[in-house]
């Protein structure tokens, strides 16, 4: 991505390291990006799938409960 701006790069990138960390998780066969909340629970940030049905089942902002059997990317 190219960002054209008259502002100094330090001002543009200020606070970027404070963004919450996310991770990829396969939950019930659906790959998604989540933000871990506590042990065993996470908030869906983004659904990564080519199946339209997955977008009807899981929506960003939804809290999911998972166990250690799901794979993390």
C-alpha atoms as a PDB file:
ATOM      1  CA  UNK A   1       0.000   0.000   0.000  1.00  0.00           C
ATOM      2  CA  UNK A   2       1.284   3.444  -0.879  1.00  0.00           C
ATOM      3  CA  UNK A   3       0.218   6.340   1.301  1.00  0.00           C
ATOM      4  CA  UNK A   4       0.661   9.818  -0.130  1.00  0.00           C
ATOM      5  CA  UNK A   5       0.574  12.384   2.658  1.00  0.00           C
ATOM      6  CA  UNK A   6       2.247  15.691   3.500  1.00  0.00           C
ATOM      7  CA  UNK A   7       2.461  14.615   7.145  1.00  0.00           C
ATOM      8  CA  UNK A   8       5.659  13.197   8.663  1.00  0.00           C
ATOM      9  CA  UNK A   9       5.728   9.387   8.789  1.00  0.00           C
ATOM     10  CA  UNK A  10       6.136   9.497  12.587  1.00  0.00           C
ATOM     11  CA  UNK A  11       2.795  11.283  12.894  1.00  0.00           C
ATOM     12  CA  UNK A  12       1.038   8.895  10.508  1.00  0.00           C
ATOM     13  CA  UNK A  13       2.301   5.740  12.248  1.00  0.00           C
ATOM     14  CA  UNK A  14       1.915   7.066  15.802  1.00  0.00           C
ATOM     15  CA  UNK A  15       0.050   4.534  17.932  1.00  0.00           C
ATOM     16  CA  UNK A  16       0.200   1.682  15.421  1.00  0.00           C
ATOM     17  CA  UNK A  17       2.056  -0.510  17.920  1.00  0.00           C
ATOM     18  CA  UNK A  18      -0.840  -0.060  20.375  1.00  0.00           C
ATOM     19  CA  UNK A  19      -3.327  -1.796  18.071  1.00  0.00           C
ATOM     20  CA  UNK A  20      -4.743  -5.009  19.555  1.00  0.00           C
ATOM     21  CA  UNK A  21      -3.077  -8.191  18.371  1.00  0.00           C
ATOM     22  CA  UNK A  22      -5.172 -10.585  16.293  1.00  0.00           C
ATOM     23  CA  UNK A  23      -4.612 -14.143  15.175  1.00  0.00           C
ATOM     24  CA  UNK A  24      -6.040 -16.555  12.646  1.00  0.00           C
ATOM     25  CA  UNK A  25      -8.158 -19.394  13.964  1.00  0.00           C
ATOM     26  CA  UNK A  26      -9.984 -22.280  12.313  1.00  0.00           C
ATOM     27  CA  UNK A  27     -13.296 -22.599  14.149  1.00  0.00           C
ATOM     28  CA  UNK A  28     -15.661 -25.401  13.079  1.00  0.00           C
ATOM     29  CA  UNK A  29     -13.821 -25.574   9.742  1.00  0.00           C
ATOM     30  CA  UNK A  30     -14.051 -21.827   9.058  1.00  0.00           C
ATOM     31  CA  UNK A  31     -10.885 -19.720   8.922  1.00  0.00           C
ATOM     32  CA  UNK A  32     -11.269 -16.376  10.687  1.00  0.00           C
ATOM     33  CA  UNK A  33      -9.236 -13.601  12.222  1.00  0.00           C
ATOM     34  CA  UNK A  34      -9.981 -13.169  15.925  1.00  0.00           C
ATOM     35  CA  UNK A  35      -8.939 -11.001  18.847  1.00  0.00           C
ATOM     36  CA  UNK A  36      -8.361 -13.168  21.933  1.00  0.00           C
ATOM     37  CA  UNK A  37     -10.312 -11.913  24.951  1.00  0.00           C
ATOM     38  CA  UNK A  38      -9.529 -14.494  27.612  1.00  0.00           C
ATOM     39  CA  UNK A  39      -8.571 -18.139  27.738  1.00  0.00           C
ATOM     40  CA  UNK A  40     -10.979 -19.980  25.446  1.00  0.00           C
ATOM     41  CA  UNK A  41     -12.892 -16.983  24.106  1.00  0.00           C
ATOM     42  CA  UNK A  42     -12.305 -14.568  21.260  1.00  0.00           C
ATOM     43  CA  UNK A  43     -14.047 -11.832  19.284  1.00  0.00           C
ATOM     44  CA  UNK A  44     -14.363 -12.354  15.526  1.00  0.00           C
ATOM     45  CA  UNK A  45     -12.623  -9.580  13.572  1.00  0.00           C
ATOM     46  CA  UNK A  46     -12.881 -11.014  10.054  1.00  0.00           C
ATOM     47  CA  UNK A  47     -14.227 -14.170   8.408  1.00  0.00           C
ATOM     48  CA  UNK A  48     -11.822 -15.552   5.777  1.00  0.00           C
ATOM     49  CA  UNK A  49     -13.795 -17.965   3.608  1.00  0.00           C
ATOM     50  CA  UNK A  50     -14.959 -18.530   0.063  1.00  0.00           C
ATOM     51  CA  UNK A  51     -18.234 -20.108   1.202  1.00  0.00           C
ATOM     52  CA  UNK A  52     -21.059 -17.530   1.482  1.00  0.00           C
ATOM     53  CA  UNK A  53     -22.798 -19.652   4.126  1.00  0.00           C
ATOM     54  CA  UNK A  54     -19.899 -19.037   6.515  1.00  0.00           C
ATOM     55  CA  UNK A  55     -20.642 -15.297   6.445  1.00  0.00           C
ATOM     56  CA  UNK A  56     -24.232 -16.021   7.505  1.00  0.00           C
ATOM     57  CA  UNK A  57     -23.110 -18.262  10.388  1.00  0.00           C
ATOM     58  CA  UNK A  58     -20.348 -16.052  11.813  1.00  0.00           C
ATOM     59  CA  UNK A  59     -20.264 -12.260  11.907  1.00  0.00           C
ATOM     60  CA  UNK A  60     -17.551  -9.807  12.984  1.00  0.00           C
ATOM     61  CA  UNK A  61     -18.043  -8.717  16.564  1.00  0.00           C
ATOM     62  CA  UNK A  62     -19.448 -12.085  17.631  1.00  0.00           C
ATOM     63  CA  UNK A  63     -17.829 -13.708  20.682  1.00  0.00           C
ATOM     64  CA  UNK A  64     -16.918 -17.368  20.238  1.00  0.00           C
ATOM     65  CA  UNK A  65     -15.881 -19.992  22.777  1.00  0.00           C
ATOM     66  CA  UNK A  66     -13.206 -22.392  21.587  1.00  0.00           C
ATOM     67  CA  UNK A  67     -11.020 -25.114  23.029  1.00  0.00           C
ATOM     68  CA  UNK A  68      -7.404 -25.973  22.336  1.00  0.00           C
ATOM     69  CA  UNK A  69      -8.339 -28.278  19.450  1.00  0.00           C
ATOM     70  CA  UNK A  70      -8.773 -25.480  16.906  1.00  0.00           C
ATOM     71  CA  UNK A  71      -5.721 -24.550  14.861  1.00  0.00           C
ATOM     72  CA  UNK A  72      -4.111 -21.166  15.129  1.00  0.00           C
ATOM     73  CA  UNK A  73      -2.375 -19.591  12.133  1.00  0.00           C
END
